[in-house]
Amino acid sequence: MSRNGIRIPPEHVEAIKAARELREALTSNMHKLPYRSVSRGAYKVLIENIDELGLFVTGEPDYFVRKMHSSADLGMPLLKDRK
């Protein structure tokens, strides 16, 4: 799959979709956690790992950060847009 010049191998498309959804959920709920909590640290580690997956698969740093507000990159709506 290729969007905006980024080539995503077909076998990784579902993983990228799931990772994007998970990252979005983690970042949207992170503000609810106390600043110095263990859970907040775990969220940060998970988000970093998801970002590394995006770099490994797409070869583009900050793939999810750039695509976070775009629903067209993988053809799926953002969580907040779902009903």
N, C-alpha and C. Protein backbone atom coordinates (compact mmCIF):
# COMPACT_ATOMS: atom_id res chain seq x y z
N MET A 1 0.85 -1.17 0.00
CA MET A 1 0.00 0.00 0.00
C MET A 1 0.89 1.23 0.00
N SER A 2 0.57 2.18 -0.82
CA SER A 2 1.39 3.38 -0.92
C SER A 2 0.51 4.61 -0.78
N ARG A 3 0.82 5.42 0.18
CA ARG A 3 0.11 6.68 0.39
C ARG A 3 1.16 7.77 0.54
N ASN A 4 1.02 8.81 -0.24
CA ASN A 4 1.94 9.94 -0.16
C ASN A 4 3.40 9.51 -0.28
N GLY A 5 3.68 8.55 -1.14
CA GLY A 5 5.04 8.12 -1.38
C GLY A 5 5.59 7.13 -0.37
N ILE A 6 4.81 6.73 0.61
CA ILE A 6 5.26 5.78 1.62
C ILE A 6 4.76 4.40 1.23
N ARG A 7 5.68 3.48 1.15
CA ARG A 7 5.34 2.10 0.74
C ARG A 7 5.18 1.25 1.98
N ILE A 8 3.98 0.73 2.18
CA ILE A 8 3.71 -0.17 3.29
C ILE A 8 3.46 -1.55 2.70
N PRO A 9 4.31 -2.53 3.04
CA PRO A 9 4.10 -3.88 2.52
C PRO A 9 2.72 -4.40 2.91
N PRO A 10 2.05 -5.10 2.00
CA PRO A 10 0.68 -5.57 2.27
C PRO A 10 0.55 -6.41 3.54
N GLU A 11 1.58 -7.18 3.87
CA GLU A 11 1.49 -8.02 5.06
C GLU A 11 1.55 -7.21 6.36
N HIS A 12 1.92 -5.92 6.27
CA HIS A 12 2.02 -5.08 7.47
C HIS A 12 0.87 -4.09 7.61
N VAL A 13 -0.02 -4.03 6.64
CA VAL A 13 -1.08 -3.03 6.66
C VAL A 13 -1.97 -3.18 7.89
N GLU A 14 -2.40 -4.39 8.20
CA GLU A 14 -3.27 -4.60 9.36
C GLU A 14 -2.56 -4.25 10.67
N ALA A 15 -1.27 -4.58 10.77
CA ALA A 15 -0.51 -4.24 11.97
C ALA A 15 -0.38 -2.73 12.12
N ILE A 16 -0.16 -2.03 11.03
CA ILE A 16 -0.05 -0.57 11.08
C ILE A 16 -1.39 0.04 11.47
N LYS A 17 -2.48 -0.48 10.95
CA LYS A 17 -3.81 0.02 11.32
C LYS A 17 -4.06 -0.16 12.82
N ALA A 18 -3.75 -1.35 13.33
CA ALA A 18 -3.96 -1.63 14.75
C ALA A 18 -3.04 -0.77 15.62
N ALA A 19 -1.80 -0.62 15.19
CA ALA A 19 -0.85 0.20 15.95
C ALA A 19 -1.29 1.66 15.97
N ARG A 20 -1.80 2.13 14.87
CA ARG A 20 -2.27 3.52 14.81
C ARG A 20 -3.44 3.73 15.77
N GLU A 21 -4.37 2.79 15.77
CA GLU A 21 -5.53 2.89 16.65
C GLU A 21 -5.11 2.82 18.12
N LEU A 22 -4.20 1.92 18.44
CA LEU A 22 -3.71 1.80 19.82
C LEU A 22 -2.97 3.06 20.24
N ARG A 23 -2.12 3.60 19.37
CA ARG A 23 -1.37 4.81 19.71
C ARG A 23 -2.32 5.98 19.95
N GLU A 24 -3.33 6.09 19.11
CA GLU A 24 -4.30 7.16 19.28
C GLU A 24 -5.03 7.04 20.62
N ALA A 25 -5.42 5.83 20.99
CA ALA A 25 -6.10 5.61 22.26
C ALA A 25 -5.19 5.94 23.44
N LEU A 26 -3.93 5.52 23.36
CA LEU A 26 -2.99 5.80 24.44
C LEU A 26 -2.74 7.29 24.60
N THR A 27 -2.50 7.99 23.50
CA THR A 27 -2.21 9.42 23.60
C THR A 27 -3.43 10.22 24.03
N SER A 28 -4.61 9.79 23.65
CA SER A 28 -5.80 10.54 24.04
C SER A 28 -6.16 10.35 25.51
N ASN A 29 -5.73 9.25 26.12
CA ASN A 29 -6.04 9.00 27.53
C ASN A 29 -4.89 9.31 28.47
N MET A 30 -3.73 9.64 27.95
CA MET A 30 -2.56 9.86 28.78
C MET A 30 -2.74 11.04 29.73
N HIS A 31 -3.46 12.06 29.32
CA HIS A 31 -3.63 13.25 30.16
C HIS A 31 -4.44 12.95 31.44
N LYS A 32 -5.13 11.83 31.47
CA LYS A 32 -5.93 11.47 32.64
C LYS A 32 -5.09 10.86 33.76
N LEU A 33 -3.86 10.47 33.44
CA LEU A 33 -3.00 9.82 34.42
C LEU A 33 -2.17 10.84 35.19
N PRO A 34 -1.86 10.56 36.46
CA PRO A 34 -0.98 11.46 37.21
C PRO A 34 0.38 11.58 36.52
N TYR A 35 0.99 12.75 36.63
CA TYR A 35 2.22 13.06 35.89
C TYR A 35 3.34 12.06 36.16
N ARG A 36 3.53 11.65 37.39
CA ARG A 36 4.64 10.75 37.73
C ARG A 36 4.16 9.34 38.08
N SER A 37 3.18 8.85 37.38
CA SER A 37 2.67 7.51 37.69
C SER A 37 3.36 6.44 36.85
N VAL A 38 3.34 5.22 37.36
CA VAL A 38 3.91 4.09 36.63
C VAL A 38 3.13 3.85 35.34
N SER A 39 1.82 4.01 35.40
CA SER A 39 0.99 3.80 34.21
C SER A 39 1.37 4.78 33.10
N ARG A 40 1.61 6.03 33.47
CA ARG A 40 2.00 7.03 32.47
C ARG A 40 3.33 6.63 31.81
N GLY A 41 4.25 6.12 32.61
CA GLY A 41 5.52 5.65 32.07
C GLY A 41 5.33 4.48 31.12
N ALA A 42 4.42 3.58 31.49
CA ALA A 42 4.12 2.43 30.61
C ALA A 42 3.50 2.90 29.31
N TYR A 43 2.60 3.89 29.38
CA TYR A 43 2.00 4.45 28.17
C TYR A 43 3.08 5.02 27.26
N LYS A 44 4.03 5.76 27.85
CA LYS A 44 5.11 6.36 27.05
C LYS A 44 5.94 5.29 26.35
N VAL A 45 6.25 4.22 27.07
CA VAL A 45 7.04 3.13 26.48
C VAL A 45 6.27 2.47 25.34
N LEU A 46 4.98 2.23 25.54
CA LEU A 46 4.17 1.64 24.47
C LEU A 46 4.12 2.55 23.25
N ILE A 47 3.94 3.84 23.46
CA ILE A 47 3.90 4.79 22.35
C ILE A 47 5.23 4.81 21.61
N GLU A 48 6.35 4.79 22.36
CA GLU A 48 7.67 4.74 21.72
C GLU A 48 7.83 3.47 20.89
N ASN A 49 7.38 2.34 21.42
CA ASN A 49 7.48 1.08 20.67
C ASN A 49 6.62 1.09 19.42
N ILE A 50 5.45 1.68 19.50
CA ILE A 50 4.59 1.81 18.32
C ILE A 50 5.26 2.69 17.28
N ASP A 51 5.89 3.78 17.73
CA ASP A 51 6.61 4.65 16.80
C ASP A 51 7.77 3.92 16.13
N GLU A 52 8.45 3.06 16.89
CA GLU A 52 9.54 2.27 16.31
C GLU A 52 9.01 1.28 15.27
N LEU A 53 7.85 0.70 15.52
CA LEU A 53 7.22 -0.19 14.54
C LEU A 53 6.94 0.59 13.25
N GLY A 54 6.40 1.78 13.39
CA GLY A 54 6.13 2.62 12.22
C GLY A 54 7.40 2.93 11.45
N LEU A 55 8.49 3.23 12.15
CA LEU A 55 9.77 3.50 11.50
C LEU A 55 10.28 2.25 10.79
N PHE A 56 10.19 1.10 11.44
CA PHE A 56 10.67 -0.14 10.85
C PHE A 56 9.90 -0.51 9.58
N VAL A 57 8.57 -0.38 9.64
CA VAL A 57 7.74 -0.81 8.52
C VAL A 57 7.75 0.20 7.38
N THR A 58 7.64 1.49 7.70
CA THR A 58 7.53 2.51 6.66
C THR A 58 8.86 3.13 6.28
N GLY A 59 9.83 3.07 7.19
CA GLY A 59 11.11 3.72 6.93
C GLY A 59 11.05 5.22 7.13
N GLU A 60 9.95 5.71 7.67
CA GLU A 60 9.80 7.15 7.87
C GLU A 60 9.67 7.45 9.37
N PRO A 61 10.57 8.30 9.89
CA PRO A 61 10.46 8.65 11.31
C PRO A 61 9.17 9.44 11.56
N ASP A 62 8.61 9.27 12.72
CA ASP A 62 7.39 9.98 13.13
C ASP A 62 6.22 9.72 12.20
N TYR A 63 6.12 8.53 11.66
CA TYR A 63 5.02 8.19 10.74
C TYR A 63 3.66 8.42 11.39
N PHE A 64 3.47 7.92 12.60
CA PHE A 64 2.17 8.03 13.26
C PHE A 64 1.89 9.46 13.70
N VAL A 65 2.92 10.18 14.09
CA VAL A 65 2.72 11.57 14.51
C VAL A 65 2.21 12.39 13.33
N ARG A 66 2.79 12.20 12.18
CA ARG A 66 2.37 12.94 10.99
C ARG A 66 0.99 12.52 10.52
N LYS A 67 0.64 11.27 10.73
CA LYS A 67 -0.63 10.74 10.23
C LYS A 67 -1.74 10.79 11.28
N MET A 68 -1.43 11.26 12.47
CA MET A 68 -2.40 11.19 13.55
C MET A 68 -3.70 11.92 13.24
N HIS A 69 -3.64 13.03 12.53
CA HIS A 69 -4.83 13.81 12.26
C HIS A 69 -5.39 13.57 10.87
N SER A 70 -4.84 12.59 10.16
CA SER A 70 -5.29 12.30 8.81
C SER A 70 -6.01 10.95 8.80
N SER A 71 -7.22 10.94 8.29
CA SER A 71 -7.94 9.67 8.21
C SER A 71 -7.79 9.03 6.84
N ALA A 72 -7.08 9.69 5.92
CA ALA A 72 -6.97 9.19 4.55
C ALA A 72 -5.78 8.27 4.35
N ASP A 73 -4.81 8.24 5.27
CA ASP A 73 -3.58 7.50 5.02
C ASP A 73 -3.79 6.00 4.91
N LEU A 74 -4.64 5.42 5.73
CA LEU A 74 -4.91 3.98 5.64
C LEU A 74 -6.38 3.70 5.43
N GLY A 75 -7.13 4.72 5.12
CA GLY A 75 -8.54 4.54 4.83
C GLY A 75 -9.38 4.17 6.02
N MET A 76 -8.99 4.60 7.22
CA MET A 76 -9.79 4.30 8.39
C MET A 76 -10.07 5.57 9.17
N PRO A 77 -11.26 5.70 9.73
CA PRO A 77 -11.59 6.90 10.49
C PRO A 77 -10.86 6.92 11.83
N LEU A 78 -10.63 8.10 12.35
CA LEU A 78 -10.05 8.24 13.67
C LEU A 78 -11.07 7.79 14.71
N LEU A 79 -10.59 7.43 15.90
CA LEU A 79 -11.49 6.97 16.95
C LEU A 79 -12.56 8.01 17.26
N LYS A 80 -12.17 9.28 17.30
CA LYS A 80 -13.14 10.33 17.66
C LYS A 80 -14.20 10.51 16.58
N ASP A 81 -13.92 10.07 15.34
CA ASP A 81 -14.87 10.21 14.24
C ASP A 81 -15.85 9.03 14.16
N ARG A 82 -15.58 7.98 14.91
CA ARG A 82 -16.43 6.79 14.85
C ARG A 82 -17.68 7.00 15.68
N LYS A 83 -18.73 6.30 15.29
CA LYS A 83 -19.99 6.41 16.06
C LYS A 83 -20.37 5.09 16.64
